[in-house]
Amino acid sequence: MQPFKTQFTLSRDYLAECFDQSLPYGKGAKPNYLFPALMLAAGAGSLIFTDQPRVLGYMLIAFAILELLHIRFRRAWWLTRQMWGKSAGSEVTVIVDERGITTQSEHTQTALLWSDIHDVIETELGLIIVAKSGGRHYLSKSLFTEDLVSEIVATARG
């Protein structure tokens, strides 16, 4: 494999692409509405059917509403947390060579050897690289040529 090196800025647009492309393949792809529904029911039941102080019922209802807000605004909250991080806005260097894929920035350095890669999930706009340890790393296809994307997928899948 011919060594390839490129750079990009870890911008809000890149992070938004990362979230949008990774979400369907993650553990939380479908939001769990059962938990807030059960909390709402328990809170309402506590208010209606018991003579206990109403604090517990109101707290359960408040937590259910908070959980629904978390589900509704999870993308915005995730992006905000990423933008607050020290890596936001930094230059990232990606090197693809015969050893694997290396990413370097001012704050981090990650090296994924080809032997450490379990799978590569190809999305419409990028690649989700799944490590044997379970970690997932997103790289946008806009960083690479079409031939290199094909070569990365073929090499990673072995």
Protein backbone atom coordinates (compact mmCIF):
# COMPACT_ATOMS: atom_id res chain seq x y z
CA MET A 1 0.00 0.00 0.00
CA GLN A 2 1.29 3.42 -0.98
CA PRO A 3 1.55 5.73 2.08
CA PHE A 4 -1.12 8.44 2.08
CA LYS A 5 -1.20 11.54 4.27
CA THR A 6 -3.89 14.20 4.59
CA GLN A 7 -5.06 16.85 7.04
CA PHE A 8 -8.44 18.22 8.07
CA THR A 9 -9.86 20.51 10.72
CA LEU A 10 -12.02 18.95 13.43
CA SER A 11 -14.88 21.38 12.76
CA ARG A 12 -18.53 21.40 13.77
CA ASP A 13 -19.49 20.28 10.23
CA TYR A 14 -17.10 17.30 10.39
CA LEU A 15 -18.40 16.31 13.83
CA ALA A 16 -22.03 16.63 12.65
CA GLU A 17 -21.23 14.31 9.73
CA CYS A 18 -19.59 11.91 12.18
CA PHE A 19 -22.70 11.83 14.40
CA ASP A 20 -25.18 11.54 11.54
CA GLN A 21 -23.31 8.78 9.73
CA SER A 22 -22.46 6.78 12.89
CA LEU A 23 -25.85 6.93 14.62
CA PRO A 24 -27.61 4.20 12.58
CA TYR A 25 -24.76 1.78 13.38
CA GLY A 26 -24.42 2.57 17.10
CA LYS A 27 -25.97 1.06 20.19
CA GLY A 28 -28.45 3.91 20.63
CA ALA A 29 -29.74 3.97 17.06
CA LYS A 30 -33.36 3.79 18.20
CA PRO A 31 -34.26 5.89 21.22
CA ASN A 32 -35.66 4.05 24.21
CA TYR A 33 -39.02 5.68 24.97
CA LEU A 34 -40.01 2.91 27.38
CA PHE A 35 -37.92 4.24 30.27
CA PRO A 36 -39.42 7.79 30.29
CA ALA A 37 -42.91 6.33 29.74
CA LEU A 38 -42.51 4.08 32.78
CA MET A 39 -41.23 7.00 34.85
CA LEU A 40 -44.19 9.14 33.79
CA ALA A 41 -46.60 6.33 34.67
CA ALA A 42 -44.92 5.73 38.04
CA GLY A 43 -44.95 9.45 38.82
CA ALA A 44 -48.60 9.84 37.84
CA GLY A 45 -49.51 6.69 39.75
CA SER A 46 -47.71 7.98 42.82
CA LEU A 47 -49.62 11.27 42.64
CA ILE A 48 -53.03 9.70 42.01
CA PHE A 49 -53.07 6.45 43.98
CA THR A 50 -51.01 7.10 47.11
CA ASP A 51 -51.24 9.37 50.11
CA GLN A 52 -47.47 9.79 50.20
CA PRO A 53 -45.90 13.24 49.90
CA ARG A 54 -46.12 14.42 46.31
CA VAL A 55 -42.40 15.07 45.97
CA LEU A 56 -41.65 11.58 44.67
CA GLY A 57 -44.33 11.78 41.96
CA TYR A 58 -43.19 15.20 40.79
CA MET A 59 -39.55 14.09 40.75
CA LEU A 60 -40.35 11.03 38.62
CA ILE A 61 -42.33 13.17 36.18
CA ALA A 62 -39.51 15.75 36.04
CA PHE A 63 -36.93 13.01 35.37
CA ALA A 64 -39.15 11.57 32.62
CA ILE A 65 -39.40 14.98 30.96
CA LEU A 66 -35.65 15.44 31.29
CA GLU A 67 -35.06 12.05 29.66
CA LEU A 68 -37.42 12.95 26.78
CA LEU A 69 -35.50 16.21 26.26
CA HIS A 70 -32.27 14.22 26.26
CA ILE A 71 -33.63 11.95 23.53
CA ARG A 72 -34.98 14.87 21.48
CA PHE A 73 -31.79 16.97 21.64
CA ARG A 74 -29.13 14.24 21.72
CA ARG A 75 -27.45 15.37 18.48
CA ALA A 76 -27.22 19.00 19.57
CA TRP A 77 -25.99 18.02 23.04
CA TRP A 78 -23.37 15.62 21.61
CA LEU A 79 -22.11 18.28 19.18
CA THR A 80 -21.96 20.87 21.97
CA ARG A 81 -19.93 18.54 24.19
CA GLN A 82 -17.52 17.84 21.32
CA MET A 83 -17.12 21.55 20.55
CA TRP A 84 -16.36 22.25 24.23
CA GLY A 85 -13.56 19.65 24.09
CA LYS A 86 -9.96 20.72 23.66
CA SER A 87 -9.64 18.92 20.30
CA ALA A 88 -12.38 20.97 18.63
CA GLY A 89 -11.02 23.18 15.86
CA SER A 90 -7.62 21.49 15.82
CA GLU A 91 -5.82 20.17 12.76
CA VAL A 92 -5.85 16.38 12.45
CA THR A 93 -3.35 14.48 10.32
CA VAL A 94 -4.39 11.09 8.93
CA ILE A 95 -1.75 8.67 7.67
CA VAL A 96 -2.69 5.44 5.90
CA ASP A 97 0.18 3.07 5.22
CA GLU A 98 1.12 -0.62 5.24
CA ARG A 99 0.97 -0.73 9.08
CA GLY A 100 -2.52 0.77 9.47
CA ILE A 101 -4.29 4.08 10.03
CA THR A 102 -2.75 6.74 12.26
CA THR A 103 -4.45 9.96 13.34
CA GLN A 104 -2.52 12.74 15.04
CA SER A 105 -3.54 16.08 16.47
CA GLU A 106 -2.10 18.49 18.97
CA HIS A 107 -3.87 16.62 21.79
CA THR A 108 -4.09 12.97 20.72
CA GLN A 109 -2.43 10.30 18.65
CA THR A 110 -4.19 7.09 17.67
CA ALA A 111 -2.72 4.21 15.70
CA LEU A 112 -4.93 1.39 14.44
CA LEU A 113 -2.94 -1.48 13.01
CA TRP A 114 -4.61 -3.49 10.26
CA SER A 115 -4.49 -6.54 12.54
CA ASP A 116 -6.41 -4.61 15.25
CA ILE A 117 -9.30 -3.73 12.92
CA HIS A 118 -12.31 -6.04 13.22
CA ASP A 119 -14.50 -4.51 10.52
CA VAL A 120 -15.07 -1.45 8.35
CA ILE A 121 -18.62 -0.20 7.89
CA GLU A 122 -18.99 1.87 4.76
CA THR A 123 -21.63 4.60 5.03
CA GLU A 124 -22.79 7.05 2.40
CA LEU A 125 -20.24 9.70 3.44
CA GLY A 126 -17.60 7.85 5.41
CA LEU A 127 -16.04 4.79 7.00
CA ILE A 128 -16.69 3.51 10.51
CA ILE A 129 -13.63 1.56 11.55
CA VAL A 130 -14.45 -1.01 14.23
CA ALA A 131 -11.50 -2.10 16.34
CA LYS A 132 -11.28 -5.56 17.89
CA SER A 133 -11.41 -3.82 21.29
CA GLY A 134 -14.89 -2.54 20.37
CA GLY A 135 -13.95 1.08 19.73
CA ARG A 136 -15.33 2.84 16.69
CA HIS A 137 -13.59 5.54 14.66
CA TYR A 138 -15.21 7.59 11.90
CA LEU A 139 -13.32 8.92 8.89
CA SER A 140 -14.99 10.93 6.14
CA LYS A 141 -14.62 9.63 2.59
CA SER A 142 -13.99 13.23 1.51
CA LEU A 143 -10.46 12.84 2.93
CA PHE A 144 -9.56 10.04 0.53
CA THR A 145 -9.70 9.11 -3.14
CA GLU A 146 -12.21 6.45 -4.20
CA ASP A 147 -9.36 4.00 -4.87
CA LEU A 148 -7.95 4.51 -1.38
CA VAL A 149 -11.39 3.99 0.20
CA SER A 150 -11.69 0.68 -1.65
CA GLU A 151 -8.16 -0.28 -0.61
CA ILE A 152 -8.84 0.57 3.06
CA VAL A 153 -12.01 -1.53 3.06
CA ALA A 154 -10.31 -4.46 1.32
CA THR A 155 -7.22 -4.37 3.57
CA ALA A 156 -9.21 -4.04 6.79
CA ARG A 157 -11.52 -6.90 5.90
CA GLY A 158 -8.46 -8.96 5.14
